[in-house]
Amino acid sequence: MDIDPRTPTVKNPPERFTGDVWLDPIAAPRTDGQRMIVAKGRFAPGARTAWHSHALGQTLHVTQGIAWVQARGGDRVELHAGQTAYCPPGEEHWHGAASDSFMEHLAMFDNADDPDTTTTWLEHVTDEQYDLPS
């Protein structure tokens, strides 16, 4: 068994996020053949990711607060603590906190064969897109 040292919380880059978002890494591949990545993301009210997709999909599990999640072309969905959303491979989507609530989630996905292609980051979610009623 390995016990990992505590990893410092990092603030996510503005190129990929709007608002204040903090990330705590939890798991990453350790040996050949492993792909799983898990991170805890904490979003201030109104904070959100840019549009993006994952080569092998992504699972989001809300642990606190209210999350908004939307697939490109779909309706915005509200999730509460204990709920899980799955974004299939290649689906363009965004996720973040509701406008009046902090939100924390576990983000889980697998590295692609080429880790540089695991996540494709796209344009920011505009304020108009974010505020559209679900």
C-alpha atoms as a PDB file:
ATOM      1  CA  MET A   1       0.000   0.000   0.000  1.00  0.00           C
ATOM      2  CA  ASP A   2       1.143   3.526  -0.803  1.00  0.00           C
ATOM      3  CA  ILE A   3       0.045   6.525   1.219  1.00  0.00           C
ATOM      4  CA  ASP A   4       0.331   9.660  -0.887  1.00  0.00           C
ATOM      5  CA  PRO A   5       1.556  12.921   0.564  1.00  0.00           C
ATOM      6  CA  ARG A   6      -0.942  15.750   0.661  1.00  0.00           C
ATOM      7  CA  THR A   7      -1.014  17.637  -2.626  1.00  0.00           C
ATOM      8  CA  PRO A   8      -1.581  21.411  -2.436  1.00  0.00           C
ATOM      9  CA  THR A   9      -4.851  22.801  -3.778  1.00  0.00           C
ATOM     10  CA  VAL A  10      -4.343  24.681  -7.053  1.00  0.00           C
ATOM     11  CA  LYS A  11      -6.458  27.350  -8.690  1.00  0.00           C
ATOM     12  CA  ASN A  12      -7.445  26.415 -12.210  1.00  0.00           C
ATOM     13  CA  PRO A  13      -6.259  28.503 -15.164  1.00  0.00           C
ATOM     14  CA  PRO A  14      -8.515  31.243 -16.587  1.00  0.00           C
ATOM     15  CA  GLU A  15      -7.965  29.855 -20.090  1.00  0.00           C
ATOM     16  CA  ARG A  16     -10.139  26.868 -19.129  1.00  0.00           C
ATOM     17  CA  PHE A  17     -12.447  28.279 -16.431  1.00  0.00           C
ATOM     18  CA  THR A  18     -14.621  31.297 -15.710  1.00  0.00           C
ATOM     19  CA  GLY A  19     -14.678  32.416 -12.085  1.00  0.00           C
ATOM     20  CA  ASP A  20     -12.912  30.892  -9.117  1.00  0.00           C
ATOM     21  CA  VAL A  21     -12.305  27.140  -9.301  1.00  0.00           C
ATOM     22  CA  TRP A  22      -9.936  25.093  -7.144  1.00  0.00           C
ATOM     23  CA  LEU A  23      -8.654  21.602  -7.830  1.00  0.00           C
ATOM     24  CA  ASP A  24      -7.352  18.847  -5.560  1.00  0.00           C
ATOM     25  CA  PRO A  25      -5.853  15.863  -7.409  1.00  0.00           C
ATOM     26  CA  ILE A  26      -6.939  12.528  -5.937  1.00  0.00           C
ATOM     27  CA  ALA A  27      -5.796   9.752  -8.292  1.00  0.00           C
ATOM     28  CA  ALA A  28      -3.682   9.416 -11.421  1.00  0.00           C
ATOM     29  CA  PRO A  29      -2.190   6.479 -13.324  1.00  0.00           C
ATOM     30  CA  ARG A  30       0.710   4.842 -11.479  1.00  0.00           C
ATOM     31  CA  THR A  31       1.660   1.897 -13.685  1.00  0.00           C
ATOM     32  CA  ASP A  32       1.411   0.896 -17.334  1.00  0.00           C
ATOM     33  CA  GLY A  33      -2.149   0.119 -18.320  1.00  0.00           C
ATOM     34  CA  GLN A  34      -3.761   2.378 -15.734  1.00  0.00           C
ATOM     35  CA  ARG A  35      -5.738   5.357 -17.056  1.00  0.00           C
ATOM     36  CA  MET A  36      -7.967   6.663 -14.245  1.00  0.00           C
ATOM     37  CA  ILE A  37      -7.789  10.298 -13.142  1.00  0.00           C
ATOM     38  CA  VAL A  38      -9.869  11.630 -10.243  1.00  0.00           C
ATOM     39  CA  ALA A  39      -9.938  15.190  -8.946  1.00  0.00           C
ATOM     40  CA  LYS A  40     -12.067  17.180  -6.542  1.00  0.00           C
ATOM     41  CA  GLY A  41     -13.195  20.463  -8.043  1.00  0.00           C
ATOM     42  CA  ARG A  42     -14.626  23.300  -5.978  1.00  0.00           C
ATOM     43  CA  PHE A  43     -16.478  26.079  -7.780  1.00  0.00           C
ATOM     44  CA  ALA A  44     -17.553  29.479  -6.432  1.00  0.00           C
ATOM     45  CA  PRO A  45     -21.088  30.601  -7.359  1.00  0.00           C
ATOM     46  CA  GLY A  46     -21.226  31.255 -11.097  1.00  0.00           C
ATOM     47  CA  ALA A  47     -17.855  29.595 -11.797  1.00  0.00           C
ATOM     48  CA  ARG A  48     -17.707  27.077 -14.619  1.00  0.00           C
ATOM     49  CA  THR A  49     -15.510  25.218 -17.062  1.00  0.00           C
ATOM     50  CA  ALA A  50     -15.101  26.201 -20.689  1.00  0.00           C
ATOM     51  CA  TRP A  51     -16.743  23.936 -23.242  1.00  0.00           C
ATOM     52  CA  HIS A  52     -14.686  20.757 -23.491  1.00  0.00           C
ATOM     53  CA  SER A  53     -14.831  17.047 -24.273  1.00  0.00           C
ATOM     54  CA  HIS A  54     -13.019  13.935 -23.084  1.00  0.00           C
ATOM     55  CA  ALA A  55     -11.720  11.259 -25.428  1.00  0.00           C
ATOM     56  CA  LEU A  56     -12.966   8.450 -23.164  1.00  0.00           C
ATOM     57  CA  GLY A  57     -15.831  10.254 -21.387  1.00  0.00           C
ATOM     58  CA  GLN A  58     -16.170  11.799 -17.935  1.00  0.00           C
ATOM     59  CA  THR A  59     -18.173  11.079 -14.788  1.00  0.00           C
ATOM     60  CA  LEU A  60     -19.079  13.907 -12.419  1.00  0.00           C
ATOM     61  CA  HIS A  61     -20.316  13.190  -8.883  1.00  0.00           C
ATOM     62  CA  VAL A  62     -21.625  16.191  -6.925  1.00  0.00           C
ATOM     63  CA  THR A  63     -20.580  16.072  -3.269  1.00  0.00           C
ATOM     64  CA  GLN A  64     -21.796  19.501  -2.112  1.00  0.00           C
ATOM     65  CA  GLY A  65     -23.931  22.355  -3.379  1.00  0.00           C
ATOM     66  CA  ILE A  66     -25.722  22.756  -6.700  1.00  0.00           C
ATOM     67  CA  ALA A  67     -24.113  21.995 -10.062  1.00  0.00           C
ATOM     68  CA  TRP A  68     -25.183  22.989 -13.534  1.00  0.00           C
ATOM     69  CA  VAL A  69     -24.138  20.688 -16.389  1.00  0.00           C
ATOM     70  CA  GLN A  70     -24.914  21.047 -20.078  1.00  0.00           C
ATOM     71  CA  ALA A  71     -24.085  19.095 -23.229  1.00  0.00           C
ATOM     72  CA  ARG A  72     -23.745  21.128 -26.427  1.00  0.00           C
ATOM     73  CA  GLY A  73     -27.213  21.444 -27.951  1.00  0.00           C
ATOM     74  CA  GLY A  74     -28.923  20.074 -24.833  1.00  0.00           C
ATOM     75  CA  ASP A  75     -30.716  21.597 -21.871  1.00  0.00           C
ATOM     76  CA  ARG A  76     -28.868  22.699 -18.781  1.00  0.00           C
ATOM     77  CA  VAL A  77     -29.351  20.161 -15.976  1.00  0.00           C
ATOM     78  CA  GLU A  78     -29.249  20.923 -12.254  1.00  0.00           C
ATOM     79  CA  LEU A  79     -27.591  18.361 -10.005  1.00  0.00           C
ATOM     80  CA  HIS A  80     -27.528  18.197  -6.211  1.00  0.00           C
ATOM     81  CA  ALA A  81     -25.227  16.485  -3.726  1.00  0.00           C
ATOM     82  CA  GLY A  82     -25.270  12.738  -4.279  1.00  0.00           C
ATOM     83  CA  GLN A  83     -26.167  12.912  -7.978  1.00  0.00           C
ATOM     84  CA  THR A  84     -23.905  11.733 -10.794  1.00  0.00           C
ATOM     85  CA  ALA A  85     -23.725  12.746 -14.464  1.00  0.00           C
ATOM     86  CA  TYR A  86     -21.918  10.883 -17.237  1.00  0.00           C
ATOM     87  CA  CYS A  87     -20.652  12.675 -20.344  1.00  0.00           C
ATOM     88  CA  PRO A  88     -19.872  10.130 -23.076  1.00  0.00           C
ATOM     89  CA  PRO A  89     -16.671  10.162 -25.148  1.00  0.00           C
ATOM     90  CA  GLY A  90     -16.373  13.189 -27.408  1.00  0.00           C
ATOM     91  CA  GLU A  91     -19.466  14.957 -26.034  1.00  0.00           C
ATOM     92  CA  GLU A  92     -18.868  18.704 -25.763  1.00  0.00           C
ATOM     93  CA  HIS A  93     -20.104  19.924 -22.397  1.00  0.00           C
ATOM     94  CA  TRP A  94     -19.485  22.295 -19.499  1.00  0.00           C
ATOM     95  CA  HIS A  95     -20.089  22.071 -15.765  1.00  0.00           C
ATOM     96  CA  GLY A  96     -19.997  24.483 -12.891  1.00  0.00           C
ATOM     97  CA  ALA A  97     -21.740  25.939  -9.871  1.00  0.00           C
ATOM     98  CA  ALA A  98     -25.223  27.392  -9.916  1.00  0.00           C
ATOM     99  CA  SER A  99     -25.291  31.179  -9.858  1.00  0.00           C
ATOM    100  CA  ASP A 100     -26.157  31.306  -6.147  1.00  0.00           C
ATOM    101  CA  SER A 101     -24.392  28.274  -4.682  1.00  0.00           C
ATOM    102  CA  PHE A 102     -20.924  26.912  -4.169  1.00  0.00           C
ATOM    103  CA  MET A 103     -20.450  23.441  -5.670  1.00  0.00           C
ATOM    104  CA  GLU A 104     -17.981  20.615  -5.167  1.00  0.00           C
ATOM    105  CA  HIS A 105     -17.712  17.542  -7.366  1.00  0.00           C
ATOM    106  CA  LEU A 106     -15.480  14.602  -8.096  1.00  0.00           C
ATOM    107  CA  ALA A 107     -14.422  14.558 -11.746  1.00  0.00           C
ATOM    108  CA  MET A 108     -13.404  11.122 -13.038  1.00  0.00           C
ATOM    109  CA  PHE A 109     -12.071  10.236 -16.464  1.00  0.00           C
ATOM    110  CA  ASP A 110      -9.520   8.034 -18.193  1.00  0.00           C
ATOM    111  CA  ASN A 111      -6.396   9.140 -20.020  1.00  0.00           C
ATOM    112  CA  ALA A 112      -6.467   8.530 -23.766  1.00  0.00           C
ATOM    113  CA  ASP A 113      -3.673   6.486 -25.370  1.00  0.00           C
ATOM    114  CA  ASP A 114      -1.994   9.851 -25.923  1.00  0.00           C
ATOM    115  CA  PRO A 115      -2.560  11.764 -22.653  1.00  0.00           C
ATOM    116  CA  ASP A 116      -2.329  15.072 -24.546  1.00  0.00           C
ATOM    117  CA  THR A 117      -5.629  14.190 -26.302  1.00  0.00           C
ATOM    118  CA  THR A 118      -7.506  13.191 -23.132  1.00  0.00           C
ATOM    119  CA  THR A 119      -9.327  16.536 -22.841  1.00  0.00           C
ATOM    120  CA  THR A 120     -10.063  18.910 -25.700  1.00  0.00           C
ATOM    121  CA  TRP A 121     -10.619  22.433 -24.406  1.00  0.00           C
ATOM    122  CA  LEU A 122     -12.816  24.752 -26.446  1.00  0.00           C
ATOM    123  CA  GLU A 123     -14.236  28.264 -26.067  1.00  0.00           C
ATOM    124  CA  HIS A 124     -15.544  29.758 -22.839  1.00  0.00           C
ATOM    125  CA  VAL A 125     -19.217  29.424 -21.937  1.00  0.00           C
ATOM    126  CA  THR A 126     -20.659  32.898 -22.396  1.00  0.00           C
ATOM    127  CA  ASP A 127     -22.669  34.601 -19.681  1.00  0.00           C
ATOM    128  CA  GLU A 128     -25.710  34.318 -21.969  1.00  0.00           C
ATOM    129  CA  GLN A 129     -25.235  30.538 -22.393  1.00  0.00           C
ATOM    130  CA  TYR A 130     -24.676  30.100 -18.664  1.00  0.00           C
ATOM    131  CA  ASP A 131     -27.789  32.073 -17.662  1.00  0.00           C
ATOM    132  CA  LEU A 132     -30.224  30.423 -20.093  1.00  0.00           C
ATOM    133  CA  PRO A 133     -33.020  28.775 -18.113  1.00  0.00           C
ATOM    134  CA  SER A 134     -33.075  24.999 -18.124  1.00  0.00           C
END
